[in-house]
Protein backbone atom coordinates (compact mmCIF):
# COMPACT_ATOMS: atom_id res chain seq x y z
CA MET A 1 -38.56 59.48 -71.59
CA SER A 2 -40.17 57.83 -74.55
CA VAL A 3 -42.13 54.66 -74.96
CA ASP A 4 -42.51 53.34 -78.51
CA GLY A 5 -41.44 56.71 -79.90
CA ALA A 6 -44.00 58.76 -77.94
CA ARG A 7 -42.98 60.93 -75.04
CA ILE A 8 -44.86 60.20 -71.83
CA GLU A 9 -45.20 63.90 -71.13
CA ASP A 10 -46.81 64.39 -74.56
CA ALA A 11 -49.40 61.66 -74.09
CA ALA A 12 -53.02 62.68 -74.32
CA THR A 13 -54.09 64.27 -71.06
CA PRO A 14 -57.41 63.25 -69.54
CA THR A 15 -60.23 65.68 -70.20
CA SER A 16 -62.26 65.31 -67.01
CA PRO A 17 -61.22 65.43 -63.32
CA LYS A 18 -62.50 61.88 -62.91
CA GLN A 19 -60.04 60.73 -65.59
CA SER A 20 -57.10 62.79 -64.33
CA ALA A 21 -56.81 61.23 -60.85
CA PRO A 22 -55.77 57.78 -62.11
CA TRP A 23 -53.52 59.39 -64.73
CA LEU A 24 -51.73 61.48 -62.12
CA PHE A 25 -51.39 58.49 -59.82
CA LEU A 26 -49.86 56.38 -62.59
CA LYS A 27 -47.54 59.15 -63.70
CA GLU A 28 -46.30 59.74 -60.13
CA ALA A 29 -45.89 56.01 -59.54
CA PHE A 30 -43.92 55.69 -62.78
CA GLU A 31 -41.63 58.57 -61.84
CA ALA A 32 -41.04 57.10 -58.36
CA PHE A 33 -40.32 53.67 -59.83
CA ARG A 34 -37.95 55.10 -62.44
CA ALA A 35 -35.96 56.89 -59.72
CA GLU A 36 -35.35 53.69 -57.73
CA PRO A 37 -32.15 51.73 -58.30
CA VAL A 38 -32.75 48.36 -59.90
CA LEU A 39 -30.26 46.41 -57.80
CA PRO A 40 -28.23 47.43 -54.75
CA PRO A 41 -24.46 47.66 -55.09
CA PRO A 42 -22.68 44.52 -53.84
CA LEU A 43 -21.47 44.55 -50.25
CA VAL A 44 -18.22 42.83 -51.27
CA MET A 45 -15.87 43.28 -54.23
CA GLY A 46 -13.15 40.93 -55.47
CA ARG A 47 -10.43 43.07 -53.90
CA ASP A 48 -12.15 42.58 -50.52
CA LEU A 49 -12.00 38.81 -50.86
CA VAL A 50 -8.31 38.97 -51.79
CA ALA A 51 -7.67 41.24 -48.79
CA TRP A 52 -9.48 38.69 -46.60
CA GLY A 53 -7.13 35.93 -47.72
CA ILE A 54 -8.87 34.35 -50.72
CA ALA A 55 -6.37 33.64 -53.50
CA PRO A 56 -7.14 35.36 -56.82
CA GLY A 57 -8.74 33.00 -59.31
CA PRO A 58 -12.07 31.40 -60.26
CA ARG A 59 -13.00 30.88 -56.62
CA VAL A 60 -13.22 34.67 -56.14
CA GLY A 61 -15.88 34.92 -58.85
CA ALA A 62 -17.85 32.01 -57.41
CA LEU A 63 -17.75 33.51 -53.92
CA LEU A 64 -18.78 36.94 -55.22
CA ARG A 65 -21.83 35.45 -56.95
CA GLU A 66 -22.71 33.46 -53.84
CA LEU A 67 -22.34 36.47 -51.54
CA TYR A 68 -24.34 38.74 -53.85
CA ASP A 69 -27.16 36.20 -54.13
CA ALA A 70 -27.25 35.96 -50.33
CA GLN A 71 -27.31 39.77 -50.13
CA LEU A 72 -30.22 40.03 -52.57
CA GLU A 73 -32.12 37.37 -50.64
CA GLY A 74 -31.52 39.23 -47.36
CA ARG A 75 -29.34 36.57 -45.75
CA LEU A 76 -26.33 38.92 -45.67
CA THR A 77 -26.94 42.56 -44.87
CA THR A 78 -23.49 43.89 -43.92
CA ARG A 79 -19.88 43.59 -45.05
CA GLU A 80 -19.07 42.23 -41.61
CA GLU A 81 -21.52 39.34 -42.08
CA ALA A 82 -19.98 38.59 -45.46
CA GLN A 83 -16.46 38.71 -44.01
CA ALA A 84 -17.47 36.40 -41.16
CA TYR A 85 -18.89 33.92 -43.66
CA VAL A 86 -15.72 34.02 -45.78
CA ALA A 87 -13.58 33.61 -42.62
CA SER A 88 -15.67 30.58 -41.61
CA LEU A 89 -14.53 28.80 -44.77
CA ASP A 90 -11.03 28.44 -43.21
CA GLY A 91 -9.39 28.39 -46.63
CA ALA A 92 -11.14 25.18 -47.68
CA SER A 93 -11.04 24.72 -51.44
CA SER A 94 -14.58 23.37 -51.46
CA HIS A 95 -17.44 24.38 -49.25
CA VAL A 96 -21.18 24.15 -48.97
CA PRO A 97 -22.55 27.27 -50.68
CA LEU A 98 -24.25 29.77 -48.42
CA ALA A 99 -27.59 29.17 -50.14
CA LEU A 100 -27.43 25.47 -49.34
CA SER A 101 -25.96 25.82 -45.87
CA GLN A 102 -29.00 27.82 -44.81
CA THR A 103 -31.36 24.98 -45.68
CA MET A 104 -29.32 21.83 -45.03
CA ARG A 105 -29.82 19.90 -41.81
CA PRO A 106 -26.90 18.39 -39.93
CA PRO A 107 -26.42 14.63 -40.46
CA LYS A 108 -27.95 12.37 -37.80
């Protein structure tokens, strides 16, 4: 791996034990961070929505974005939860997005 043309492994090594502890910590932390995936794979794909009865079209893309946002925010954690949410739409062409439905209060 290189940063600004210099290899991390080739960087100047600390000369004293007092300097090497932070260096080793940072190097290990960097390696652990680099190994982590940036974003999790989506729970639901477009073909899933079509299989669950959503007609192909722009609505599929909108639902996928909505479901993935909910997944990243921790409001959906399984495919089953996502499928239940999609099923609750009952084929309506317009619906309250999941993000809003979690915060909206019922009318009085």
